[in-house]
Protein backbone atom coordinates (compact mmCIF):
# COMPACT_ATOMS: atom_id res chain seq x y z
CA UNK A 1 0.00 0.00 0.00
CA UNK A 2 1.28 3.42 -0.91
CA UNK A 3 1.20 5.83 2.01
CA UNK A 4 1.25 9.60 1.83
CA UNK A 5 1.40 12.02 4.71
CA UNK A 6 -1.92 13.52 5.68
CA UNK A 7 -0.74 16.88 6.84
CA UNK A 8 -1.66 20.49 6.38
CA UNK A 9 -2.87 21.14 2.87
CA UNK A 10 -4.09 17.57 2.36
CA UNK A 11 -6.75 17.50 5.05
CA UNK A 12 -7.91 20.91 6.17
CA UNK A 13 -8.03 20.97 9.97
CA UNK A 14 -6.84 17.33 9.63
CA UNK A 15 -10.41 16.28 8.97
CA UNK A 16 -12.05 16.22 5.56
CA UNK A 17 -9.52 17.79 3.24
CA UNK A 18 -11.66 20.67 2.01
CA UNK A 19 -8.96 23.18 1.27
CA UNK A 20 -9.62 26.80 1.84
CA UNK A 21 -8.80 29.47 -0.70
CA UNK A 22 -5.27 30.02 0.51
CA UNK A 23 -4.33 26.37 0.57
CA UNK A 24 -5.99 25.54 -2.73
CA UNK A 25 -4.68 28.45 -4.78
CA UNK A 26 -1.82 26.55 -6.38
CA UNK A 27 -3.73 23.38 -7.34
CA UNK A 28 -6.82 25.39 -8.30
CA UNK A 29 -5.07 27.72 -10.68
CA UNK A 30 -2.09 25.51 -11.63
CA UNK A 31 1.68 25.83 -11.65
CA UNK A 32 4.16 26.64 -14.38
CA UNK A 33 7.87 26.49 -13.75
CA UNK A 34 7.30 26.27 -10.02
CA UNK A 35 5.29 29.50 -9.92
CA UNK A 36 1.58 29.84 -9.37
CA UNK A 37 -0.23 31.02 -12.46
CA UNK A 38 -3.65 32.62 -12.06
CA UNK A 39 -5.92 31.14 -14.69
CA UNK A 40 -8.97 33.03 -13.54
CA UNK A 41 -10.52 34.29 -16.75
CA UNK A 42 -12.44 36.89 -14.76
CA UNK A 43 -9.39 38.35 -13.05
CA UNK A 44 -9.46 41.50 -15.17
CA UNK A 45 -13.17 42.11 -14.76
CA UNK A 46 -14.47 44.67 -12.25
CA UNK A 47 -15.33 43.03 -8.92
CA UNK A 48 -19.08 43.60 -9.13
CA UNK A 49 -21.66 41.77 -6.98
CA UNK A 50 -22.43 39.30 -9.79
CA UNK A 51 -18.80 38.38 -10.24
CA UNK A 52 -18.24 38.04 -6.51
CA UNK A 53 -21.25 35.70 -6.25
CA UNK A 54 -19.91 33.75 -9.23
CA UNK A 55 -16.55 33.32 -7.54
CA UNK A 56 -18.14 32.31 -4.25
CA UNK A 57 -20.07 29.52 -5.96
CA UNK A 58 -17.20 28.52 -8.22
CA UNK A 59 -14.57 28.16 -5.48
CA UNK A 60 -16.96 27.42 -2.57
CA UNK A 61 -14.30 28.36 -0.03
CA UNK A 62 -17.05 28.49 2.57
CA UNK A 63 -17.12 24.67 2.41
CA UNK A 64 -14.22 24.13 4.78
CA UNK A 65 -13.39 20.90 6.55
CA UNK A 66 -15.20 22.01 9.71
CA UNK A 67 -18.33 22.96 7.77
CA UNK A 68 -18.34 19.70 5.83
CA UNK A 69 -17.91 17.66 8.99
CA UNK A 70 -20.74 19.48 10.76
CA UNK A 71 -22.98 18.89 7.75
CA UNK A 72 -22.07 15.19 7.71
CA UNK A 73 -22.82 14.90 11.43
CA UNK A 74 -26.18 16.61 10.99
CA UNK A 75 -26.97 14.33 8.06
CA UNK A 76 -26.06 11.26 10.11
CA UNK A 77 -28.27 12.37 13.01
CA UNK A 78 -31.17 13.08 10.66
CA UNK A 79 -30.61 9.78 8.90
CA UNK A 80 -30.67 7.83 12.15
CA UNK A 81 -33.87 9.59 13.16
CA UNK A 82 -35.37 8.77 9.77
CA UNK A 83 -34.37 5.11 10.05
CA UNK A 84 -35.93 4.83 13.52
CA UNK A 85 -39.10 6.48 12.26
CA UNK A 86 -39.21 4.20 9.23
CA UNK A 87 -38.77 1.07 11.33
CA UNK A 88 -41.44 2.16 13.81
CA UNK A 89 -43.86 3.01 11.03
CA UNK A 90 -43.27 -0.28 9.22
CA UNK A 91 -43.56 -2.25 12.44
CA UNK A 92 -46.91 -0.66 13.26
CA UNK A 93 -48.37 -0.85 9.77
CA UNK A 94 -46.98 -4.21 8.66
CA UNK A 95 -49.94 -6.46 8.06
CA UNK A 96 -52.45 -3.63 7.71
CA UNK A 97 -52.03 -3.23 3.95
CA UNK A 98 -51.31 0.46 4.34
CA UNK A 99 -47.55 0.64 3.83
CA UNK A 100 -45.04 -1.61 2.07
CA UNK A 101 -42.01 -2.05 4.35
CA UNK A 102 -38.94 -2.12 2.17
CA UNK A 103 -40.82 -1.04 -0.94
CA UNK A 104 -39.60 -2.99 -3.98
CA UNK A 105 -37.97 -5.64 -1.82
CA UNK A 106 -41.40 -7.24 -1.49
CA UNK A 107 -41.20 -8.53 -5.07
CA UNK A 108 -37.53 -9.53 -4.59
CA UNK A 109 -38.37 -11.61 -1.53
CA UNK A 110 -41.46 -13.20 -3.04
CA UNK A 111 -39.56 -14.13 -6.22
CA UNK A 112 -36.70 -15.56 -4.14
CA UNK A 113 -39.20 -17.65 -2.13
CA UNK A 114 -40.58 -19.09 -5.37
CA UNK A 115 -37.06 -19.86 -6.59
CA UNK A 116 -36.01 -21.47 -3.30
CA UNK A 117 -39.08 -23.70 -3.47
CA UNK A 118 -38.08 -24.88 -6.94
CA UNK A 119 -40.60 -22.70 -8.80
CA UNK A 120 -38.40 -19.93 -10.25
CA UNK A 121 -40.66 -19.74 -13.30
CA UNK A 122 -43.47 -18.46 -11.07
CA UNK A 123 -41.49 -15.27 -10.45
CA UNK A 124 -42.41 -14.18 -13.98
CA UNK A 125 -46.12 -14.96 -13.67
CA UNK A 126 -47.86 -11.67 -12.77
CA UNK A 127 -50.89 -13.40 -11.25
CA UNK A 128 -48.80 -15.58 -8.95
CA UNK A 129 -46.52 -12.70 -7.94
CA UNK A 130 -49.54 -10.50 -7.16
CA UNK A 131 -51.14 -13.20 -5.04
CA UNK A 132 -47.91 -13.95 -3.13
CA UNK A 133 -47.16 -10.29 -2.52
CA UNK A 134 -50.52 -9.68 -0.93
CA UNK A 135 -50.29 -12.79 1.19
CA UNK A 136 -47.44 -10.98 2.97
CA UNK A 137 -50.03 -8.34 3.96
CA UNK A 138 -47.45 -5.71 3.18
CA UNK A 139 -49.06 -4.04 0.18
CA UNK A 140 -52.31 -2.21 -0.42
CA UNK A 141 -54.71 -4.20 -2.59
CA UNK A 142 -54.30 -1.86 -5.57
CA UNK A 143 -50.47 -2.09 -5.58
CA UNK A 144 -48.60 -4.62 -7.69
CA UNK A 145 -44.80 -4.89 -7.91
CA UNK A 146 -43.84 -7.06 -10.89
CA UNK A 147 -40.49 -8.85 -11.06
CA UNK A 148 -38.58 -7.77 -14.17
CA UNK A 149 -35.08 -8.92 -13.20
CA UNK A 150 -33.16 -11.79 -14.86
CA UNK A 151 -32.76 -15.15 -13.10
CA UNK A 152 -29.16 -14.19 -12.28
CA UNK A 153 -30.59 -11.72 -9.77
CA UNK A 154 -32.80 -14.48 -8.37
CA UNK A 155 -29.65 -16.49 -7.71
CA UNK A 156 -28.15 -13.64 -5.67
CA UNK A 157 -31.38 -13.29 -3.71
CA UNK A 158 -31.64 -16.95 -2.70
CA UNK A 159 -29.95 -16.55 0.73
CA UNK A 160 -32.63 -14.05 1.79
CA UNK A 161 -35.46 -16.43 0.95
CA UNK A 162 -34.67 -18.40 4.11
CA UNK A 163 -35.43 -15.40 6.33
CA UNK A 164 -38.72 -13.80 7.39
CA UNK A 165 -39.57 -10.78 5.28
CA UNK A 166 -38.51 -8.01 7.68
CA UNK A 167 -35.27 -9.78 8.56
CA UNK A 168 -34.55 -10.43 4.88
CA UNK A 169 -35.13 -6.78 3.96
CA UNK A 170 -32.94 -5.47 6.78
CA UNK A 171 -30.23 -8.04 6.03
CA UNK A 172 -30.24 -7.16 2.34
CA UNK A 173 -30.09 -3.43 3.06
CA UNK A 174 -27.35 -3.76 5.67
CA UNK A 175 -25.13 -6.09 3.64
CA UNK A 176 -25.30 -4.07 0.41
CA UNK A 177 -24.70 -0.81 2.29
CA UNK A 178 -21.74 -2.35 4.11
CA UNK A 179 -20.18 -3.39 0.78
CA UNK A 180 -20.62 0.12 -0.57
CA UNK A 181 -19.13 1.72 2.53
CA UNK A 182 -16.15 -0.64 2.52
CA UNK A 183 -15.15 -0.01 -1.08
CA UNK A 184 -15.94 3.70 -1.15
CA UNK A 185 -13.92 4.24 2.02
CA UNK A 186 -10.90 2.66 0.33
CA UNK A 187 -11.39 5.00 -2.62
CA UNK A 188 -11.59 8.01 -0.32
CA UNK A 189 -8.41 7.00 1.50
CA UNK A 190 -6.73 6.65 -1.90
CA UNK A 191 -3.79 4.66 -0.60
CA UNK A 192 -3.24 6.75 2.52
CA UNK A 193 -3.56 5.98 6.20
CA UNK A 194 -5.97 8.02 8.28
CA UNK A 195 -5.52 8.95 11.89
CA UNK A 196 -8.36 8.62 14.36
CA UNK A 197 -9.84 12.07 13.72
CA UNK A 198 -9.67 11.75 9.94
CA UNK A 199 -11.19 8.28 10.05
CA UNK A 200 -14.09 9.58 12.15
CA UNK A 201 -14.72 12.34 9.62
CA UNK A 202 -14.91 9.80 6.80
CA UNK A 203 -17.31 7.62 8.76
CA UNK A 204 -19.59 10.61 9.35
CA UNK A 205 -19.69 11.34 5.64
CA UNK A 206 -20.28 7.74 4.58
CA UNK A 207 -22.79 6.70 7.22
CA UNK A 208 -24.62 10.01 6.91
CA UNK A 209 -25.11 9.72 3.13
CA UNK A 210 -28.79 10.61 2.55
CA UNK A 211 -29.07 7.96 -0.15
CA UNK A 212 -29.15 5.28 2.56
CA UNK A 213 -32.73 6.02 3.58
CA UNK A 214 -33.87 6.44 -0.02
CA UNK A 215 -32.25 3.30 -1.44
CA UNK A 216 -32.73 0.98 1.52
CA UNK A 217 -36.20 2.34 2.24
CA UNK A 218 -37.15 1.37 -1.30
CA UNK A 219 -35.58 -2.06 -0.79
CA UNK A 220 -33.51 -1.56 -3.91
CA UNK A 221 -30.04 -2.64 -5.03
CA UNK A 222 -28.42 0.75 -5.69
CA UNK A 223 -25.70 0.19 -3.09
CA UNK A 224 -24.82 -3.23 -4.46
CA UNK A 225 -24.59 -1.87 -8.01
CA UNK A 226 -22.45 1.02 -6.79
CA UNK A 227 -20.17 -1.40 -4.92
CA UNK A 228 -19.44 -3.17 -8.22
CA UNK A 229 -18.13 0.07 -9.74
CA UNK A 230 -16.21 0.94 -6.59
CA UNK A 231 -14.64 -2.53 -6.46
CA UNK A 232 -13.15 -1.96 -9.90
CA UNK A 233 -11.70 1.33 -8.71
CA UNK A 234 -10.05 -0.46 -5.79
CA UNK A 235 -8.84 -3.58 -7.62
CA UNK A 236 -8.63 -2.60 -11.30
CA UNK A 237 -4.92 -1.69 -11.40
CA UNK A 238 -3.39 -4.40 -9.20
CA UNK A 239 -6.00 -7.15 -9.39
CA UNK A 240 -7.80 -6.73 -12.72
CA UNK A 241 -9.33 -10.19 -12.43
CA UNK A 242 -11.19 -9.12 -9.29
CA UNK A 243 -12.08 -5.68 -10.63
CA UNK A 244 -13.38 -7.13 -13.89
CA UNK A 245 -15.30 -9.87 -12.09
CA UNK A 246 -17.02 -7.26 -9.91
CA UNK A 247 -18.17 -5.36 -13.00
CA UNK A 248 -19.44 -8.58 -14.56
CA UNK A 249 -21.89 -9.00 -11.69
CA UNK A 250 -23.80 -6.02 -13.09
CA UNK A 251 -25.34 -8.41 -15.60
CA UNK A 252 -28.26 -8.61 -13.15
CA UNK A 253 -29.07 -4.99 -14.10
CA UNK A 254 -27.53 -4.55 -17.55
CA UNK A 255 -28.93 -1.08 -18.24
CA UNK A 256 -26.53 0.26 -15.61
CA UNK A 257 -23.54 -1.44 -17.28
CA UNK A 258 -23.71 0.36 -20.63
CA UNK A 259 -20.66 2.44 -19.74
CA UNK A 260 -18.56 -0.56 -18.65
CA UNK A 261 -17.51 -2.00 -22.04
CA UNK A 262 -16.93 1.51 -23.41
CA UNK A 263 -14.40 2.35 -20.69
CA UNK A 264 -12.74 -1.06 -20.51
CA UNK A 265 -12.12 -1.32 -24.24
CA UNK A 266 -11.21 2.34 -24.72
CA UNK A 267 -8.72 2.07 -21.86
CA UNK A 268 -7.40 -1.23 -23.31
CA UNK A 269 -8.19 -3.03 -20.07
CA UNK A 270 -8.38 -6.39 -21.81
CA UNK A 271 -7.69 -8.53 -18.74
CA UNK A 272 -10.43 -6.80 -16.78
CA UNK A 273 -12.73 -7.09 -19.82
CA UNK A 274 -12.07 -10.81 -20.03
CA UNK A 275 -12.84 -11.39 -16.36
CA UNK A 276 -15.94 -9.22 -16.54
CA UNK A 277 -17.20 -11.45 -19.32
CA UNK A 278 -16.27 -14.58 -17.38
CA UNK A 279 -18.09 -13.30 -14.30
CA UNK A 280 -21.24 -12.48 -16.28
CA UNK A 281 -21.21 -15.82 -18.09
CA UNK A 282 -20.62 -17.78 -14.88
CA UNK A 283 -23.45 -16.01 -13.02
CA UNK A 284 -25.78 -16.49 -15.97
CA UNK A 285 -24.76 -20.12 -16.38
CA UNK A 286 -25.18 -20.88 -12.70
CA UNK A 287 -28.67 -19.41 -12.70
CA UNK A 288 -29.57 -21.54 -15.72
CA UNK A 289 -28.09 -24.63 -14.06
CA UNK A 290 -29.96 -24.03 -10.81
CA UNK A 291 -33.30 -22.84 -12.16
CA UNK A 292 -33.34 -24.21 -15.70
CA UNK A 293 -33.78 -22.45 -19.03
CA UNK A 294 -37.50 -21.77 -18.68
CA UNK A 295 -37.12 -18.78 -16.29
CA UNK A 296 -34.75 -17.14 -18.76
CA UNK A 297 -37.28 -17.61 -21.53
CA UNK A 298 -39.99 -16.15 -19.30
CA UNK A 299 -37.76 -13.21 -18.42
CA UNK A 300 -37.28 -12.27 -22.08
CA UNK A 301 -41.02 -12.73 -22.58
CA UNK A 302 -41.93 -10.16 -19.89
CA UNK A 303 -39.28 -7.58 -20.89
CA UNK A 304 -41.65 -5.84 -23.34
CA UNK A 305 -44.12 -5.43 -20.45
CA UNK A 306 -41.43 -3.57 -18.49
CA UNK A 307 -40.80 -1.22 -21.42
CA UNK A 308 -44.53 -0.67 -21.85
CA UNK A 309 -44.95 0.13 -18.17
CA UNK A 310 -42.11 2.65 -18.30
CA UNK A 311 -43.34 4.25 -21.54
CA UNK A 312 -46.83 4.59 -20.06
CA UNK A 313 -45.42 6.55 -17.14
CA UNK A 314 -46.46 4.02 -14.51
CA UNK A 315 -43.29 4.76 -12.53
CA UNK A 316 -43.47 8.03 -10.60
CA UNK A 317 -41.71 10.66 -12.76
CA UNK A 318 -40.18 12.44 -9.78
CA UNK A 319 -38.22 9.27 -8.94
CA UNK A 320 -36.47 9.25 -12.33
CA UNK A 321 -33.05 10.93 -12.41
CA UNK A 322 -32.47 10.58 -16.15
CA UNK A 323 -32.82 13.29 -18.78
CA UNK A 324 -36.03 11.67 -20.00
CA UNK A 325 -37.29 11.73 -16.41
CA UNK A 326 -36.72 15.48 -16.28
CA UNK A 327 -38.92 15.93 -19.33
CA UNK A 328 -41.65 13.88 -17.69
CA UNK A 329 -41.50 15.94 -14.52
CA UNK A 330 -41.94 19.04 -16.68
CA UNK A 331 -44.87 17.41 -18.46
CA UNK A 332 -43.04 17.26 -21.79
CA UNK A 333 -43.59 13.84 -23.34
CA UNK A 334 -43.30 12.46 -26.84
CA UNK A 335 -40.61 12.18 -29.48
CA UNK A 336 -38.69 15.30 -28.49
CA UNK A 337 -37.94 13.95 -25.02
CA UNK A 338 -36.71 10.65 -26.44
CA UNK A 339 -34.53 12.43 -28.99
CA UNK A 340 -32.91 14.59 -26.32
CA UNK A 341 -32.25 11.52 -24.14
CA UNK A 342 -30.70 9.73 -27.10
CA UNK A 343 -28.56 12.77 -27.91
CA UNK A 344 -27.30 12.99 -24.33
CA UNK A 345 -26.57 9.26 -24.25
CA UNK A 346 -24.55 9.36 -27.47
CA UNK A 347 -22.67 12.48 -26.40
CA UNK A 348 -21.76 10.93 -23.07
CA UNK A 349 -20.63 7.78 -24.86
CA UNK A 350 -18.25 9.70 -27.14
CA UNK A 351 -16.84 11.85 -24.32
CA UNK A 352 -16.52 8.77 -22.13
CA UNK A 353 -14.54 6.83 -24.71
CA UNK A 354 -12.21 9.75 -25.33
CA UNK A 355 -11.56 10.24 -21.62
CA UNK A 356 -10.96 6.53 -21.02
CA UNK A 357 -8.57 6.32 -23.98
CA UNK A 358 -6.03 8.24 -21.89
CA UNK A 359 -5.98 5.39 -19.35
CA UNK A 360 -6.17 7.63 -16.27
CA UNK A 361 -6.02 4.68 -13.85
CA UNK A 362 -8.59 2.30 -12.45
CA UNK A 363 -9.88 4.82 -9.91
CA UNK A 364 -10.77 7.47 -12.46
CA UNK A 365 -11.96 4.84 -14.92
CA UNK A 366 -14.39 3.61 -12.27
CA UNK A 367 -15.47 7.21 -11.71
CA UNK A 368 -16.07 7.67 -15.43
CA UNK A 369 -18.13 4.47 -15.63
CA UNK A 370 -20.18 5.36 -12.56
CA UNK A 371 -20.81 8.97 -13.59
CA UNK A 372 -21.85 7.97 -17.11
CA UNK A 373 -23.99 5.01 -16.03
CA UNK A 374 -26.88 7.17 -14.82
CA UNK A 375 -26.82 9.37 -17.92
CA UNK A 376 -26.67 6.77 -20.69
CA UNK A 377 -30.03 5.13 -19.98
CA UNK A 378 -33.46 6.59 -19.28
CA UNK A 379 -34.17 3.77 -16.80
CA UNK A 380 -32.39 5.26 -13.80
CA UNK A 381 -34.10 6.00 -10.52
CA UNK A 382 -33.28 8.01 -7.43
CA UNK A 383 -32.36 4.84 -5.54
CA UNK A 384 -29.46 4.38 -8.03
CA UNK A 385 -27.74 7.57 -6.86
CA UNK A 386 -25.15 5.69 -4.73
CA UNK A 387 -23.52 4.86 -8.07
CA UNK A 388 -22.83 8.54 -8.76
CA UNK A 389 -21.52 8.85 -5.20
CA UNK A 390 -18.69 6.51 -6.24
CA UNK A 391 -17.57 9.04 -8.85
CA UNK A 392 -17.81 11.84 -6.29
CA UNK A 393 -15.68 9.89 -3.81
CA UNK A 394 -12.94 9.38 -6.40
CA UNK A 395 -12.98 13.04 -7.45
CA UNK A 396 -12.78 14.01 -3.77
CA UNK A 397 -9.81 11.70 -3.24
CA UNK A 398 -8.05 13.16 -6.26
CA UNK A 399 -8.58 16.65 -4.88
CA UNK A 400 -6.64 15.76 -1.74
CA UNK A 401 -3.38 15.61 -3.68
CA UNK A 402 -4.11 18.15 -6.42
CA UNK A 403 -6.55 20.59 -4.87
CA UNK A 404 -10.12 21.33 -5.79
CA UNK A 405 -10.84 22.61 -9.28
CA UNK A 406 -13.48 25.27 -9.95
CA UNK A 407 -17.05 24.13 -9.26
CA UNK A 408 -15.97 20.79 -7.77
CA UNK A 409 -16.88 21.52 -4.19
CA UNK A 410 -20.34 22.76 -5.15
CA UNK A 411 -20.89 19.75 -7.43
CA UNK A 412 -19.83 17.30 -4.75
CA UNK A 413 -22.13 18.94 -2.22
CA UNK A 414 -25.02 18.91 -4.72
CA UNK A 415 -24.62 15.18 -5.36
CA UNK A 416 -24.29 14.38 -1.67
CA UNK A 417 -27.58 16.13 -0.89
CA UNK A 418 -29.36 15.08 -4.11
CA UNK A 419 -31.06 11.98 -2.61
CA UNK A 420 -32.67 14.30 -0.08
CA UNK A 421 -33.44 17.39 -2.15
CA UNK A 422 -33.83 15.98 -5.67
CA UNK A 423 -37.11 14.06 -5.22
CA UNK A 424 -38.55 16.84 -3.08
CA UNK A 425 -37.85 19.51 -5.71
CA UNK A 426 -39.10 17.31 -8.54
CA UNK A 427 -42.27 16.28 -6.75
CA UNK A 428 -43.14 19.48 -4.94
CA UNK A 429 -41.98 22.19 -7.35
CA UNK A 430 -41.63 20.27 -10.64
CA UNK A 431 -37.95 21.27 -10.77
CA UNK A 432 -35.92 18.26 -11.99
CA UNK A 433 -32.38 19.07 -10.84
CA UNK A 434 -31.06 15.49 -10.83
CA UNK A 435 -29.89 15.32 -14.49
CA UNK A 436 -28.12 18.68 -14.15
CA UNK A 437 -26.24 17.50 -11.06
CA UNK A 438 -25.34 14.21 -12.73
CA UNK A 439 -24.06 16.04 -15.81
CA UNK A 440 -21.95 18.25 -13.55
CA UNK A 441 -20.53 15.18 -11.80
CA UNK A 442 -19.69 13.64 -15.17
CA UNK A 443 -18.01 16.86 -16.33
CA UNK A 444 -15.89 17.01 -13.16
CA UNK A 445 -14.88 13.39 -13.62
CA UNK A 446 -13.91 13.89 -17.26
CA UNK A 447 -11.87 16.94 -16.31
CA UNK A 448 -10.05 14.92 -13.65
CA UNK A 449 -9.22 12.27 -16.24
CA UNK A 450 -7.73 14.85 -18.63
CA UNK A 451 -3.93 14.99 -18.97
CA UNK A 452 -2.17 17.10 -16.36
CA UNK A 453 0.22 19.86 -17.39
CA UNK A 454 3.11 18.38 -19.27
CA UNK A 455 0.92 15.90 -21.18
CA UNK A 456 0.95 13.02 -18.69
CA UNK A 457 -2.33 11.38 -17.87
CA UNK A 458 -3.43 11.59 -14.25
CA UNK A 459 -2.83 8.43 -12.28
CA UNK A 460 -4.83 6.99 -9.44
CA UNK A 461 -3.04 5.80 -6.36
CA UNK A 462 -3.14 2.02 -6.22
CA UNK A 463 -5.13 0.59 -3.36
CA UNK A 464 -4.10 -2.76 -1.96
């Protein structure tokens, strides 16, 4: 493991590393010949109120280490209160048909129960799924949660079928969140060793991430998907077989893996590509061996129903974080919205391939994949936001050694609070900010992957 000193200038106040304006001047504006060069294009403009406000937002020097740590603590306290309230509410209402504890996990658990009993094919029968879901007494009578995942996801869910529903939901949420925390913490440390105070600050930020309540409350797999991207960032350079295998597991939700082959092939990561393919084939083959071919045939049969449901707007628009979702929140449907989404997807693909071609290192390659994943498909929901948090963690880690670039602090803060504020703004005010934040995160990631001065590509610190 490569160890750097965490001293002044790397971690402001020895906590979170949010450099103030004085400490970040050199990395922010760059160096030439050992001298700081001011690249502020507005330096010659009169210091009017508009320009001062622009600079405040651009540099965000008010986001110091102390401020960030206080915000993380407040988020953690609020999150714990929300979790307690959620558990109490679900405990009181479970069995009344008024509230679904764990949200979508109801259909995961029911499908896993069918599979464990040797009836995996029943997971793709809407009538049987509906009947089984309502036998749990967890859903209102007019609510139906269909199962549109491949049998490979059923295979991963099998261990939870042996548990009662509440225990299975909590176990699934806790285990996937723990994986995400473990890998993202390694990315944040970026090959360094933290002292006690720094480690506490990182734990506040990770455990206080607002996406926990949103993703786990919905009983969804956003943290597990994000952990696959983060695992590549941790292992991709030194253990490409493990990093590639982790990415291959995303075959259970292939729409989130569209950016993976683009980055791996553009970066000439052929060993990781090979092991990603092996992992996907093995998981698919195991599911076919355990459940048979019939569930796979049924899965492909019900896929058009999933597309129809999405096209009909049966999913709440405010939960979508894609560009197409923003159009739906604004009430703008039809061909134009689809064309804009397609244009954004293709643009991101081209920019992504160009950035990955420079081979910036597994960490930044993982950030590129994660940041692009939520932009390249219209089928992304707010519970998938932990994936974008992987990109933010890697950008944050890079900033510890090179300083924050313009707009990075504000973008990182926006993404961190997006699981809390995004759905509220979209639902209450019809202001879909999620795609704008995700585009900003992608832009920051691409900029980090650009060659540093002198033409050399940035390199990520290897993590053992």
